[in-house]
Amino acid sequence: MGRGLELSAIFAACLALCVPGTARAQMQSASGGVRASVGPALVVPRPPAYLGDAAGAGEPPHNQWHVGLGTESRSIGVFVEHRPGLAPWAAEQISHVLKAWNAVEGSPVRFHLTSDAGGSQVRVRWIDRFADSLAGLTEIETDPAGRISHATVTLALRHQQGLPMGPEFLRMVGLHEFGHVMGLPHSEDPRDVMHPGNRNLRLSPRDVGTTLRLYRAEK
């Protein structure tokens, strides 16, 4: 991998991001489908995060960016590759995505755009389309201590069938993939940006809560 780093994980936005209607089917499936009418449904409150339990116990280890002791935040440089013929609105969606994650109050990780490819920690690249049903893919590199050192986000400009991605759809994919850049896992709830079939343009309270829980040990 160069620099003596190892590729620790590859996070991929699933088929639901590319196939219309799949997200609705997943939401219906998540709700349990058809149920017998036996009385009022029990409403179970959502946990505040999708890492560990409500008390923060039982959390599996997850990769994260290192923030030094006594440091309130770490700024991560994001380089967006140039692609001939790329519509201006496509790159603008990345700015919206970074702004959304930077708005998480209490998160020690902040992103900034940079024109210095070699000095960046995150690279965004574009492809016409994936061979399968993916819309986005995030590859994470870690240092020997298991902390995130670099990430590459690959975003498709077209669906597998050849239809172009619209601005809002591309932003939804970007929000999800940069959640993986933060180190977040998938969520089972379609109301969260980190659901594999994300259809949200805003981070949910659980996306925020999970981010803060993930970086709690770093602060």
N, C-alpha and C. Protein backbone atom coordinates (compact mmCIF):
# COMPACT_ATOMS: atom_id res chain seq x y z
N MET A 1 0.81 -1.20 0.00
CA MET A 1 0.00 0.00 0.00
C MET A 1 0.85 1.27 0.00
N GLY A 2 2.18 1.12 0.15
CA GLY A 2 3.01 2.32 0.29
C GLY A 2 2.88 2.86 1.69
N ARG A 3 3.81 3.59 2.14
CA ARG A 3 3.81 4.20 3.46
C ARG A 3 3.69 3.17 4.57
N GLY A 4 3.77 1.86 4.24
CA GLY A 4 3.70 0.83 5.26
C GLY A 4 2.33 0.70 5.89
N LEU A 5 1.29 1.18 5.20
CA LEU A 5 -0.05 1.15 5.76
C LEU A 5 -0.79 -0.07 5.25
N GLU A 6 -1.81 -0.46 5.95
CA GLU A 6 -2.59 -1.61 5.52
C GLU A 6 -4.03 -1.19 5.31
N LEU A 7 -4.65 -1.81 4.31
CA LEU A 7 -6.05 -1.54 4.02
C LEU A 7 -6.89 -2.33 5.02
N SER A 8 -7.55 -1.61 5.95
CA SER A 8 -8.22 -2.31 7.04
C SER A 8 -9.64 -2.69 6.71
N ALA A 9 -10.33 -1.91 5.86
CA ALA A 9 -11.73 -2.20 5.63
C ALA A 9 -12.19 -1.50 4.37
N ILE A 10 -13.18 -2.08 3.73
CA ILE A 10 -13.82 -1.44 2.59
C ILE A 10 -15.31 -1.37 2.90
N PHE A 11 -15.82 -0.13 2.98
CA PHE A 11 -17.23 0.07 3.25
C PHE A 11 -17.92 0.41 1.95
N ALA A 12 -19.03 -0.25 1.65
CA ALA A 12 -19.72 0.01 0.39
C ALA A 12 -21.18 0.35 0.63
N ALA A 13 -21.67 1.37 -0.07
CA ALA A 13 -23.09 1.65 -0.07
C ALA A 13 -23.75 0.54 -0.86
N CYS A 14 -24.82 -0.02 -0.31
CA CYS A 14 -25.37 -1.25 -0.89
C CYS A 14 -26.25 -0.97 -2.09
N LEU A 15 -26.80 -2.05 -2.65
CA LEU A 15 -27.61 -2.01 -3.85
C LEU A 15 -28.77 -1.03 -3.74
N ALA A 16 -29.31 -0.84 -2.55
CA ALA A 16 -30.46 0.04 -2.39
C ALA A 16 -30.17 1.47 -2.81
N LEU A 17 -28.92 1.87 -2.81
CA LEU A 17 -28.58 3.23 -3.22
C LEU A 17 -28.70 3.42 -4.71
N CYS A 18 -28.72 2.32 -5.46
CA CYS A 18 -28.73 2.45 -6.91
C CYS A 18 -30.04 2.01 -7.56
N VAL A 19 -30.80 1.17 -6.89
CA VAL A 19 -32.00 0.63 -7.51
C VAL A 19 -33.23 1.30 -6.93
N PRO A 20 -33.98 2.09 -7.72
CA PRO A 20 -35.17 2.77 -7.21
C PRO A 20 -36.16 1.77 -6.62
N GLY A 21 -36.74 2.13 -5.50
CA GLY A 21 -37.75 1.30 -4.87
C GLY A 21 -37.21 0.34 -3.85
N THR A 22 -35.91 0.05 -3.90
CA THR A 22 -35.35 -0.91 -2.96
C THR A 22 -35.39 -0.38 -1.54
N ALA A 23 -35.14 0.93 -1.36
CA ALA A 23 -35.16 1.50 -0.02
C ALA A 23 -36.53 1.36 0.60
N ARG A 24 -37.59 1.57 -0.21
CA ARG A 24 -38.95 1.41 0.33
C ARG A 24 -39.18 -0.02 0.76
N ALA A 25 -38.70 -0.97 -0.07
CA ALA A 25 -38.86 -2.38 0.28
C ALA A 25 -38.12 -2.70 1.56
N GLN A 26 -36.93 -2.13 1.73
CA GLN A 26 -36.18 -2.39 2.96
C GLN A 26 -36.90 -1.82 4.17
N MET A 27 -37.47 -0.62 4.00
CA MET A 27 -38.19 -0.01 5.11
C MET A 27 -39.38 -0.86 5.50
N GLN A 28 -40.10 -1.39 4.48
CA GLN A 28 -41.24 -2.25 4.79
C GLN A 28 -40.79 -3.53 5.46
N SER A 29 -39.67 -4.09 4.98
CA SER A 29 -39.14 -5.30 5.59
C SER A 29 -38.72 -5.05 7.02
N ALA A 30 -38.08 -3.87 7.27
CA ALA A 30 -37.61 -3.55 8.62
C ALA A 30 -38.77 -3.39 9.58
N SER A 31 -39.95 -3.00 9.04
CA SER A 31 -41.08 -2.80 9.93
C SER A 31 -41.78 -4.11 10.27
N GLY A 32 -41.32 -5.21 9.66
CA GLY A 32 -41.88 -6.50 10.01
C GLY A 32 -42.90 -7.02 9.02
N GLY A 33 -43.19 -6.27 7.97
CA GLY A 33 -44.14 -6.73 6.96
C GLY A 33 -45.55 -6.77 7.50
N VAL A 34 -46.34 -7.74 7.02
CA VAL A 34 -47.73 -7.87 7.44
C VAL A 34 -47.81 -8.56 8.78
N ARG A 35 -48.56 -7.97 9.70
CA ARG A 35 -48.70 -8.54 11.04
C ARG A 35 -50.15 -8.84 11.33
N ALA A 36 -50.37 -9.84 12.16
CA ALA A 36 -51.72 -10.13 12.60
C ALA A 36 -52.20 -9.02 13.52
N SER A 37 -53.47 -8.70 13.44
CA SER A 37 -54.02 -7.63 14.26
C SER A 37 -54.37 -8.19 15.63
N VAL A 38 -53.44 -8.03 16.58
CA VAL A 38 -53.64 -8.59 17.91
C VAL A 38 -53.65 -7.51 18.98
N GLY A 39 -53.72 -6.26 18.58
CA GLY A 39 -53.75 -5.18 19.57
C GLY A 39 -52.75 -4.11 19.18
N PRO A 40 -52.64 -3.07 20.00
CA PRO A 40 -51.73 -1.97 19.69
C PRO A 40 -50.29 -2.44 19.61
N ALA A 41 -49.55 -1.89 18.66
CA ALA A 41 -48.14 -2.24 18.51
C ALA A 41 -47.33 -1.60 19.64
N LEU A 42 -46.35 -2.32 20.12
CA LEU A 42 -45.48 -1.82 21.16
C LEU A 42 -44.43 -0.91 20.52
N VAL A 43 -44.37 0.34 20.94
CA VAL A 43 -43.40 1.28 20.40
C VAL A 43 -42.15 1.24 21.27
N VAL A 44 -41.05 0.80 20.68
CA VAL A 44 -39.78 0.71 21.39
C VAL A 44 -38.93 1.92 21.03
N PRO A 45 -38.53 2.72 22.00
CA PRO A 45 -37.70 3.90 21.69
C PRO A 45 -36.40 3.50 21.01
N ARG A 46 -35.97 4.32 20.07
CA ARG A 46 -34.71 4.05 19.39
C ARG A 46 -33.55 4.35 20.33
N PRO A 47 -32.52 3.49 20.34
CA PRO A 47 -31.31 3.83 21.10
C PRO A 47 -30.71 5.12 20.55
N PRO A 48 -30.00 5.88 21.37
CA PRO A 48 -29.44 7.14 20.90
C PRO A 48 -28.29 6.99 19.92
N ALA A 49 -27.78 5.77 19.76
CA ALA A 49 -26.66 5.53 18.85
C ALA A 49 -26.73 4.08 18.38
N TYR A 50 -26.03 3.76 17.31
CA TYR A 50 -25.98 2.38 16.83
C TYR A 50 -24.61 1.76 17.07
N LEU A 51 -23.97 2.21 18.15
CA LEU A 51 -22.77 1.57 18.69
C LEU A 51 -23.04 1.27 20.16
N GLY A 52 -22.96 -0.01 20.55
CA GLY A 52 -23.16 -0.34 21.96
C GLY A 52 -24.59 -0.15 22.41
N ASP A 53 -24.84 -0.29 23.72
CA ASP A 53 -26.18 -0.12 24.25
C ASP A 53 -26.37 1.32 24.72
N ALA A 54 -27.50 1.59 25.35
CA ALA A 54 -27.81 2.95 25.76
C ALA A 54 -26.79 3.52 26.73
N ALA A 55 -26.12 2.65 27.46
CA ALA A 55 -25.12 3.09 28.43
C ALA A 55 -23.72 3.16 27.82
N GLY A 56 -23.65 2.76 26.52
CA GLY A 56 -22.35 2.80 25.86
C GLY A 56 -21.52 1.56 26.07
N ALA A 57 -22.13 0.50 26.66
CA ALA A 57 -21.39 -0.73 26.93
C ALA A 57 -21.46 -1.66 25.71
N GLY A 58 -20.55 -2.57 25.65
CA GLY A 58 -20.58 -3.58 24.60
C GLY A 58 -20.23 -3.05 23.23
N GLU A 59 -19.48 -1.97 23.15
CA GLU A 59 -19.15 -1.40 21.86
C GLU A 59 -18.01 -2.18 21.21
N PRO A 60 -18.20 -2.60 19.94
CA PRO A 60 -17.09 -3.25 19.24
C PRO A 60 -16.07 -2.20 18.84
N PRO A 61 -14.83 -2.61 18.64
CA PRO A 61 -13.82 -1.63 18.22
C PRO A 61 -14.09 -1.15 16.79
N HIS A 62 -13.94 0.13 16.58
CA HIS A 62 -14.12 0.71 15.25
C HIS A 62 -12.95 1.65 14.97
N ASN A 63 -12.55 1.68 13.70
CA ASN A 63 -11.49 2.59 13.31
C ASN A 63 -11.95 4.03 13.46
N GLN A 64 -11.03 4.89 13.82
CA GLN A 64 -11.33 6.31 13.94
C GLN A 64 -10.06 7.10 13.71
N TRP A 65 -10.22 8.39 13.44
CA TRP A 65 -9.08 9.28 13.29
C TRP A 65 -8.51 9.59 14.67
N HIS A 66 -7.19 9.68 14.75
CA HIS A 66 -6.57 10.00 16.02
C HIS A 66 -6.60 11.50 16.27
N VAL A 67 -7.04 11.86 17.45
CA VAL A 67 -7.02 13.26 17.88
C VAL A 67 -6.18 13.30 19.15
N GLY A 68 -5.09 14.01 19.12
CA GLY A 68 -4.16 14.01 20.24
C GLY A 68 -4.76 14.55 21.52
N LEU A 69 -4.23 14.11 22.64
CA LEU A 69 -4.68 14.59 23.94
C LEU A 69 -4.45 16.09 24.05
N GLY A 70 -5.42 16.79 24.58
CA GLY A 70 -5.31 18.23 24.72
C GLY A 70 -5.63 18.99 23.44
N THR A 71 -6.02 18.23 22.39
CA THR A 71 -6.38 18.86 21.13
C THR A 71 -7.89 18.80 20.95
N GLU A 72 -8.51 19.94 20.73
CA GLU A 72 -9.97 19.97 20.62
C GLU A 72 -10.46 19.39 19.30
N SER A 73 -9.68 19.54 18.24
CA SER A 73 -10.14 19.04 16.95
C SER A 73 -8.95 18.73 16.05
N ARG A 74 -9.23 17.95 15.03
CA ARG A 74 -8.23 17.64 14.02
C ARG A 74 -8.85 17.94 12.66
N SER A 75 -8.13 18.67 11.83
CA SER A 75 -8.63 19.03 10.51
C SER A 75 -8.10 18.04 9.48
N ILE A 76 -9.01 17.43 8.75
CA ILE A 76 -8.68 16.41 7.76
C ILE A 76 -8.82 17.01 6.37
N GLY A 77 -7.74 16.98 5.58
CA GLY A 77 -7.76 17.54 4.24
C GLY A 77 -8.43 16.60 3.25
N VAL A 78 -9.34 17.16 2.44
CA VAL A 78 -10.09 16.38 1.45
C VAL A 78 -9.75 16.92 0.05
N PHE A 79 -9.20 16.06 -0.79
CA PHE A 79 -8.86 16.43 -2.16
C PHE A 79 -9.89 15.81 -3.10
N VAL A 80 -10.54 16.64 -3.90
CA VAL A 80 -11.53 16.17 -4.87
C VAL A 80 -10.88 16.15 -6.25
N GLU A 81 -10.78 14.97 -6.82
CA GLU A 81 -10.13 14.83 -8.11
C GLU A 81 -10.92 15.55 -9.21
N HIS A 82 -10.16 16.11 -10.15
CA HIS A 82 -10.80 16.73 -11.31
C HIS A 82 -11.13 15.67 -12.34
N ARG A 83 -12.30 15.79 -12.93
CA ARG A 83 -12.71 14.87 -13.99
C ARG A 83 -13.22 15.71 -15.16
N PRO A 84 -12.65 15.55 -16.33
CA PRO A 84 -13.09 16.34 -17.48
C PRO A 84 -14.60 16.18 -17.72
N GLY A 85 -15.28 17.30 -17.91
CA GLY A 85 -16.71 17.26 -18.18
C GLY A 85 -17.59 17.11 -16.95
N LEU A 86 -16.97 17.09 -15.77
CA LEU A 86 -17.75 16.96 -14.54
C LEU A 86 -18.60 18.20 -14.31
N ALA A 87 -19.89 18.02 -14.09
CA ALA A 87 -20.78 19.15 -13.84
C ALA A 87 -20.39 19.85 -12.55
N PRO A 88 -20.41 21.18 -12.51
CA PRO A 88 -20.01 21.92 -11.30
C PRO A 88 -20.79 21.51 -10.07
N TRP A 89 -22.07 21.15 -10.26
CA TRP A 89 -22.89 20.82 -9.09
C TRP A 89 -22.41 19.53 -8.40
N ALA A 90 -21.70 18.68 -9.14
CA ALA A 90 -21.24 17.43 -8.53
C ALA A 90 -20.23 17.71 -7.43
N ALA A 91 -19.22 18.53 -7.73
CA ALA A 91 -18.24 18.88 -6.71
C ALA A 91 -18.87 19.69 -5.58
N GLU A 92 -19.89 20.48 -5.91
CA GLU A 92 -20.57 21.28 -4.88
C GLU A 92 -21.23 20.38 -3.84
N GLN A 93 -21.67 19.20 -4.24
CA GLN A 93 -22.31 18.29 -3.28
C GLN A 93 -21.32 17.85 -2.21
N ILE A 94 -20.04 17.73 -2.59
CA ILE A 94 -19.02 17.36 -1.60
C ILE A 94 -18.90 18.45 -0.55
N SER A 95 -18.97 19.70 -0.96
CA SER A 95 -18.92 20.81 0.00
C SER A 95 -20.09 20.73 0.96
N HIS A 96 -21.29 20.40 0.45
CA HIS A 96 -22.46 20.26 1.32
C HIS A 96 -22.27 19.10 2.31
N VAL A 97 -21.69 18.02 1.82
CA VAL A 97 -21.45 16.85 2.67
C VAL A 97 -20.49 17.20 3.80
N LEU A 98 -19.39 17.84 3.47
CA LEU A 98 -18.41 18.20 4.50
C LEU A 98 -19.01 19.17 5.51
N LYS A 99 -19.81 20.10 5.03
CA LYS A 99 -20.45 21.06 5.93
C LYS A 99 -21.36 20.35 6.91
N ALA A 100 -22.08 19.33 6.45
CA ALA A 100 -22.99 18.59 7.33
C ALA A 100 -22.24 17.87 8.44
N TRP A 101 -21.14 17.19 8.08
CA TRP A 101 -20.37 16.47 9.11
C TRP A 101 -19.61 17.43 10.02
N ASN A 102 -19.19 18.58 9.47
CA ASN A 102 -18.50 19.56 10.30
C ASN A 102 -19.43 20.23 11.30
N ALA A 103 -20.73 20.14 11.05
CA ALA A 103 -21.71 20.78 11.92
C ALA A 103 -22.05 19.95 13.15
N VAL A 104 -21.47 18.74 13.26
CA VAL A 104 -21.73 17.89 14.43
C VAL A 104 -21.01 18.49 15.63
N GLU A 105 -21.76 19.12 16.49
CA GLU A 105 -21.19 19.80 17.65
C GLU A 105 -20.60 18.79 18.62
N GLY A 106 -19.36 18.98 18.97
CA GLY A 106 -18.68 18.07 19.89
C GLY A 106 -17.80 17.07 19.19
N SER A 107 -17.93 16.94 17.87
CA SER A 107 -17.05 16.02 17.14
C SER A 107 -15.67 16.65 16.99
N PRO A 108 -14.62 15.90 17.26
CA PRO A 108 -13.27 16.45 17.14
C PRO A 108 -12.72 16.43 15.71
N VAL A 109 -13.45 15.83 14.79
CA VAL A 109 -12.97 15.71 13.41
C VAL A 109 -13.63 16.78 12.55
N ARG A 110 -12.81 17.52 11.84
CA ARG A 110 -13.29 18.55 10.92
C ARG A 110 -12.64 18.33 9.56
N PHE A 111 -13.42 18.49 8.50
CA PHE A 111 -12.93 18.33 7.14
C PHE A 111 -12.73 19.69 6.48
N HIS A 112 -11.72 19.78 5.64
CA HIS A 112 -11.54 20.97 4.82
C HIS A 112 -11.06 20.56 3.43
N LEU A 113 -11.53 21.28 2.42
CA LEU A 113 -11.10 21.01 1.05
C LEU A 113 -9.69 21.52 0.84
N THR A 114 -8.92 20.78 0.07
CA THR A 114 -7.55 21.18 -0.23
C THR A 114 -7.23 20.85 -1.69
N SER A 115 -6.37 21.65 -2.30
CA SER A 115 -5.91 21.39 -3.66
C SER A 115 -4.59 20.61 -3.66
N ASP A 116 -4.11 20.28 -2.46
CA ASP A 116 -2.86 19.55 -2.31
C ASP A 116 -3.15 18.05 -2.21
N ALA A 117 -3.08 17.37 -3.34
CA ALA A 117 -3.40 15.95 -3.36
C ALA A 117 -2.47 15.15 -2.46
N GLY A 118 -1.18 15.45 -2.52
CA GLY A 118 -0.21 14.69 -1.73
C GLY A 118 -0.33 14.91 -0.24
N GLY A 119 -0.81 16.09 0.16
CA GLY A 119 -0.93 16.39 1.59
C GLY A 119 -2.29 16.10 2.17
N SER A 120 -3.20 15.58 1.35
CA SER A 120 -4.56 15.31 1.84
C SER A 120 -4.62 13.95 2.51
N GLN A 121 -5.60 13.80 3.37
CA GLN A 121 -5.85 12.51 4.02
C GLN A 121 -7.01 11.75 3.38
N VAL A 122 -7.88 12.48 2.70
CA VAL A 122 -9.03 11.87 2.04
C VAL A 122 -9.04 12.29 0.58
N ARG A 123 -9.25 11.34 -0.30
CA ARG A 123 -9.33 11.63 -1.73
C ARG A 123 -10.72 11.21 -2.23
N VAL A 124 -11.36 12.10 -2.98
CA VAL A 124 -12.65 11.79 -3.61
C VAL A 124 -12.40 11.62 -5.10
N ARG A 125 -12.77 10.47 -5.61
CA ARG A 125 -12.60 10.21 -7.04
C ARG A 125 -13.95 9.85 -7.66
N TRP A 126 -14.03 10.05 -8.96
CA TRP A 126 -15.28 9.84 -9.69
C TRP A 126 -15.11 8.72 -10.71
N ILE A 127 -16.16 7.93 -10.87
CA ILE A 127 -16.19 6.97 -11.97
C ILE A 127 -17.54 7.12 -12.66
N ASP A 128 -17.62 6.65 -13.89
CA ASP A 128 -18.88 6.77 -14.61
C ASP A 128 -19.97 5.95 -13.92
N ARG A 129 -19.65 4.69 -13.64
CA ARG A 129 -20.58 3.81 -12.92
C ARG A 129 -19.83 2.59 -12.43
N PHE A 130 -20.39 1.93 -11.43
CA PHE A 130 -19.84 0.67 -10.95
C PHE A 130 -20.38 -0.47 -11.82
N ALA A 131 -19.66 -1.57 -11.84
CA ALA A 131 -20.10 -2.73 -12.61
C ALA A 131 -21.31 -3.40 -11.97
N ASP A 132 -21.46 -3.18 -10.64
CA ASP A 132 -22.61 -3.76 -9.95
C ASP A 132 -23.52 -2.62 -9.51
N SER A 133 -24.29 -2.85 -8.46
CA SER A 133 -25.31 -1.89 -8.06
C SER A 133 -24.83 -0.84 -7.06
N LEU A 134 -23.54 -0.71 -6.87
CA LEU A 134 -23.04 0.27 -5.93
C LEU A 134 -23.21 1.69 -6.46
N ALA A 135 -23.35 2.63 -5.53
CA ALA A 135 -23.35 4.05 -5.89
C ALA A 135 -22.12 4.73 -5.32
N GLY A 136 -21.55 4.16 -4.24
CA GLY A 136 -20.37 4.73 -3.62
C GLY A 136 -19.58 3.67 -2.91
N LEU A 137 -18.30 3.93 -2.72
CA LEU A 137 -17.41 2.97 -2.06
C LEU A 137 -16.36 3.75 -1.29
N THR A 138 -16.11 3.33 -0.05
CA THR A 138 -15.10 3.98 0.78
C THR A 138 -14.05 2.96 1.20
N GLU A 139 -12.80 3.27 0.93
CA GLU A 139 -11.68 2.42 1.31
C GLU A 139 -10.88 3.14 2.39
N ILE A 140 -10.63 2.43 3.49
CA ILE A 140 -9.97 3.00 4.65
C ILE A 140 -8.58 2.40 4.82
N GLU A 141 -7.58 3.24 5.02
CA GLU A 141 -6.24 2.78 5.38
C GLU A 141 -5.98 3.13 6.84
N THR A 142 -5.33 2.22 7.54
CA THR A 142 -5.04 2.46 8.95
C THR A 142 -3.54 2.38 9.22
N ASP A 143 -3.13 3.01 10.32
CA ASP A 143 -1.74 2.92 10.75
C ASP A 143 -1.56 1.66 11.60
N PRO A 144 -0.35 1.35 12.05
CA PRO A 144 -0.15 0.12 12.83
C PRO A 144 -0.99 0.06 14.11
N ALA A 145 -1.43 1.21 14.62
CA ALA A 145 -2.26 1.22 15.82
C ALA A 145 -3.74 1.03 15.51
N GLY A 146 -4.08 0.89 14.22
CA GLY A 146 -5.47 0.67 13.84
C GLY A 146 -6.28 1.94 13.67
N ARG A 147 -5.60 3.09 13.69
CA ARG A 147 -6.30 4.36 13.53
C ARG A 147 -6.33 4.76 12.05
N ILE A 148 -7.39 5.43 11.63
CA ILE A 148 -7.51 5.83 10.24
C ILE A 148 -6.40 6.82 9.88
N SER A 149 -5.74 6.56 8.77
CA SER A 149 -4.70 7.47 8.31
C SER A 149 -5.06 8.10 6.97
N HIS A 150 -5.73 7.34 6.11
CA HIS A 150 -6.15 7.84 4.80
C HIS A 150 -7.44 7.15 4.39
N ALA A 151 -8.18 7.80 3.51
CA ALA A 151 -9.40 7.21 2.98
C ALA A 151 -9.59 7.65 1.54
N THR A 152 -10.19 6.77 0.75
CA THR A 152 -10.54 7.08 -0.63
C THR A 152 -12.03 6.82 -0.81
N VAL A 153 -12.73 7.85 -1.28
CA VAL A 153 -14.17 7.74 -1.54
C VAL A 153 -14.37 7.76 -3.05
N THR A 154 -14.99 6.72 -3.57
CA THR A 154 -15.28 6.64 -4.99
C THR A 154 -16.78 6.79 -5.19
N LEU A 155 -17.17 7.77 -6.02
CA LEU A 155 -18.58 8.05 -6.25
C LEU A 155 -18.90 7.86 -7.73
N ALA A 156 -20.01 7.18 -7.99
CA ALA A 156 -20.46 6.97 -9.37
C ALA A 156 -21.29 8.16 -9.83
N LEU A 157 -21.16 8.49 -11.10
CA LEU A 157 -21.93 9.58 -11.69
C LEU A 157 -23.18 9.07 -12.38
N ARG A 158 -23.23 7.76 -12.58
CA ARG A 158 -24.41 7.14 -13.20
C ARG A 158 -24.79 5.87 -12.44
N HIS A 159 -26.07 5.55 -12.50
CA HIS A 159 -26.54 4.28 -11.97
C HIS A 159 -26.04 3.16 -12.87
N GLN A 160 -26.15 1.95 -12.38
CA GLN A 160 -25.68 0.79 -13.14
C GLN A 160 -26.35 0.73 -14.51
N GLN A 161 -27.62 1.16 -14.58
CA GLN A 161 -28.36 1.10 -15.84
C GLN A 161 -27.99 2.24 -16.79
N GLY A 162 -27.16 3.18 -16.33
CA GLY A 162 -26.74 4.26 -17.19
C GLY A 162 -27.41 5.59 -16.92
N LEU A 163 -28.44 5.62 -16.09
CA LEU A 163 -29.11 6.87 -15.77
C LEU A 163 -28.21 7.74 -14.91
N PRO A 164 -28.16 9.05 -15.17
CA PRO A 164 -27.28 9.92 -14.39
C PRO A 164 -27.77 10.12 -12.96
N MET A 165 -26.84 10.26 -12.05
CA MET A 165 -27.16 10.61 -10.66
C MET A 165 -27.56 12.08 -10.60
N GLY A 166 -28.61 12.40 -9.84
CA GLY A 166 -28.98 13.79 -9.64
C GLY A 166 -28.23 14.37 -8.46
N PRO A 167 -28.27 15.69 -8.30
CA PRO A 167 -27.54 16.34 -7.20
C PRO A 167 -27.93 15.82 -5.82
N GLU A 168 -29.23 15.71 -5.54
CA GLU A 168 -29.65 15.26 -4.21
C GLU A 168 -29.23 13.82 -3.96
N PHE A 169 -29.35 12.98 -4.98
CA PHE A 169 -28.97 11.58 -4.80
C PHE A 169 -27.48 11.47 -4.52
N LEU A 170 -26.69 12.24 -5.27
CA LEU A 170 -25.24 12.21 -5.06
C LEU A 170 -24.89 12.70 -3.66
N ARG A 171 -25.64 13.68 -3.17
CA ARG A 171 -25.37 14.17 -1.82
C ARG A 171 -25.71 13.10 -0.78
N MET A 172 -26.81 12.38 -1.00
CA MET A 172 -27.17 11.31 -0.06
C MET A 172 -26.08 10.25 -0.01
N VAL A 173 -25.55 9.89 -1.18
CA VAL A 173 -24.48 8.89 -1.22
C VAL A 173 -23.23 9.44 -0.53
N GLY A 174 -22.91 10.70 -0.80
CA GLY A 174 -21.73 11.31 -0.18
C GLY A 174 -21.84 11.39 1.33
N LEU A 175 -23.02 11.75 1.84
CA LEU A 175 -23.22 11.80 3.29
C LEU A 175 -22.96 10.43 3.91
N HIS A 176 -23.46 9.40 3.26
CA HIS A 176 -23.27 8.04 3.77
C HIS A 176 -21.79 7.65 3.73
N GLU A 177 -21.14 7.89 2.60
CA GLU A 177 -19.74 7.47 2.48
C GLU A 177 -18.82 8.22 3.42
N PHE A 178 -19.08 9.50 3.65
CA PHE A 178 -18.24 10.24 4.59
C PHE A 178 -18.53 9.84 6.03
N GLY A 179 -19.69 9.24 6.28
CA GLY A 179 -19.90 8.62 7.59
C GLY A 179 -18.92 7.48 7.79
N HIS A 180 -18.68 6.71 6.72
CA HIS A 180 -17.67 5.65 6.81
C HIS A 180 -16.27 6.25 6.96
N VAL A 181 -16.03 7.37 6.30
CA VAL A 181 -14.74 8.04 6.47
C VAL A 181 -14.53 8.42 7.93
N MET A 182 -15.61 8.82 8.60
CA MET A 182 -15.53 9.13 10.03
C MET A 182 -15.25 7.88 10.87
N GLY A 183 -15.58 6.71 10.31
CA GLY A 183 -15.40 5.46 11.04
C GLY A 183 -16.71 4.82 11.46
N LEU A 184 -17.83 5.38 11.03
CA LEU A 184 -19.13 4.87 11.46
C LEU A 184 -19.51 3.59 10.73
N PRO A 185 -20.20 2.69 11.41
CA PRO A 185 -20.70 1.47 10.78
C PRO A 185 -22.07 1.74 10.16
N HIS A 186 -22.65 0.71 9.58
CA HIS A 186 -24.01 0.83 9.06
C HIS A 186 -25.03 0.84 10.20
N SER A 187 -26.14 1.48 9.95
CA SER A 187 -27.28 1.47 10.86
C SER A 187 -28.39 0.64 10.24
N GLU A 188 -29.21 0.03 11.08
CA GLU A 188 -30.32 -0.76 10.59
C GLU A 188 -31.58 0.08 10.36
N ASP A 189 -31.53 1.35 10.76
CA ASP A 189 -32.72 2.20 10.71
C ASP A 189 -32.68 3.12 9.49
N PRO A 190 -33.69 3.07 8.60
CA PRO A 190 -33.68 3.89 7.39
C PRO A 190 -33.77 5.38 7.64
N ARG A 191 -34.03 5.79 8.89
CA ARG A 191 -34.05 7.22 9.20
C ARG A 191 -32.65 7.78 9.42
N ASP A 192 -31.65 6.90 9.47
CA ASP A 192 -30.26 7.32 9.67
C ASP A 192 -29.54 7.40 8.33
N VAL A 193 -28.65 8.37 8.20
CA VAL A 193 -27.81 8.50 7.00
C VAL A 193 -26.98 7.24 6.78
N MET A 194 -26.62 6.56 7.86
CA MET A 194 -25.76 5.38 7.74
C MET A 194 -26.53 4.10 7.47
N HIS A 195 -27.82 4.20 7.18
CA HIS A 195 -28.54 3.04 6.66
C HIS A 195 -28.03 2.75 5.26
N PRO A 196 -27.82 1.46 4.91
CA PRO A 196 -27.27 1.14 3.58
C PRO A 196 -28.09 1.68 2.42
N GLY A 197 -29.38 1.88 2.62
CA GLY A 197 -30.23 2.42 1.55
C GLY A 197 -30.59 3.87 1.82
N ASN A 198 -29.64 4.66 2.25
CA ASN A 198 -29.91 6.02 2.70
C ASN A 198 -30.73 6.84 1.71
N ARG A 199 -31.78 7.49 2.21
CA ARG A 199 -32.57 8.44 1.44
C ARG A 199 -32.73 9.74 2.23
N ASN A 200 -31.76 10.04 3.08
CA ASN A 200 -31.82 11.21 3.95
C ASN A 200 -30.79 12.24 3.52
N LEU A 201 -31.18 13.51 3.57
CA LEU A 201 -30.28 14.60 3.24
C LEU A 201 -29.73 15.29 4.48
N ARG A 202 -30.16 14.83 5.66
CA ARG A 202 -29.67 15.40 6.91
C ARG A 202 -29.27 14.29 7.86
N LEU A 203 -28.24 14.54 8.65
CA LEU A 203 -27.84 13.57 9.67
C LEU A 203 -28.94 13.46 10.71
N SER A 204 -29.19 12.25 11.16
CA SER A 204 -30.19 12.03 12.20
C SER A 204 -29.55 12.23 13.58
N PRO A 205 -30.36 12.39 14.62
CA PRO A 205 -29.80 12.45 15.97
C PRO A 205 -28.94 11.23 16.30
N ARG A 206 -29.29 10.07 15.74
CA ARG A 206 -28.48 8.86 16.00
C ARG A 206 -27.17 8.90 15.24
N ASP A 207 -27.15 9.47 14.05
CA ASP A 207 -25.88 9.65 13.35
C ASP A 207 -24.95 10.52 14.18
N VAL A 208 -25.51 11.60 14.73
CA VAL A 208 -24.72 12.50 15.57
C VAL A 208 -24.28 11.80 16.85
N GLY A 209 -25.23 11.10 17.50
CA GLY A 209 -24.92 10.42 18.75
C GLY A 209 -23.87 9.34 18.58
N THR A 210 -23.92 8.64 17.46
CA THR A 210 -22.93 7.59 17.21
C THR A 210 -21.55 8.18 16.96
N THR A 211 -21.52 9.30 16.26
CA THR A 211 -20.24 9.98 16.03
C THR A 211 -19.60 10.39 17.35
N LEU A 212 -20.39 10.97 18.23
CA LEU A 212 -19.86 11.42 19.52
C LEU A 212 -19.44 10.24 20.38
N ARG A 213 -20.19 9.15 20.30
CA ARG A 213 -19.82 7.96 21.08
C ARG A 213 -18.53 7.34 20.55
N LEU A 214 -18.37 7.32 19.23
CA LEU A 214 -17.18 6.74 18.63
C LEU A 214 -15.93 7.47 19.06
N TYR A 215 -16.02 8.80 19.16
CA TYR A 215 -14.83 9.60 19.48
C TYR A 215 -14.74 9.97 20.97
N ARG A 216 -15.62 9.41 21.76
CA ARG A 216 -15.59 9.70 23.19
C ARG A 216 -14.25 9.33 23.82
N ALA A 217 -13.71 8.15 23.42
CA ALA A 217 -12.45 7.68 24.03
C ALA A 217 -11.27 8.54 23.61
N GLU A 218 -11.42 9.27 22.49
CA GLU A 218 -10.32 10.09 22.02
C GLU A 218 -10.24 11.41 22.78
N LYS A 219 -11.34 11.79 23.40
CA LYS A 219 -11.35 13.11 24.08
C LYS A 219 -10.96 12.98 25.54
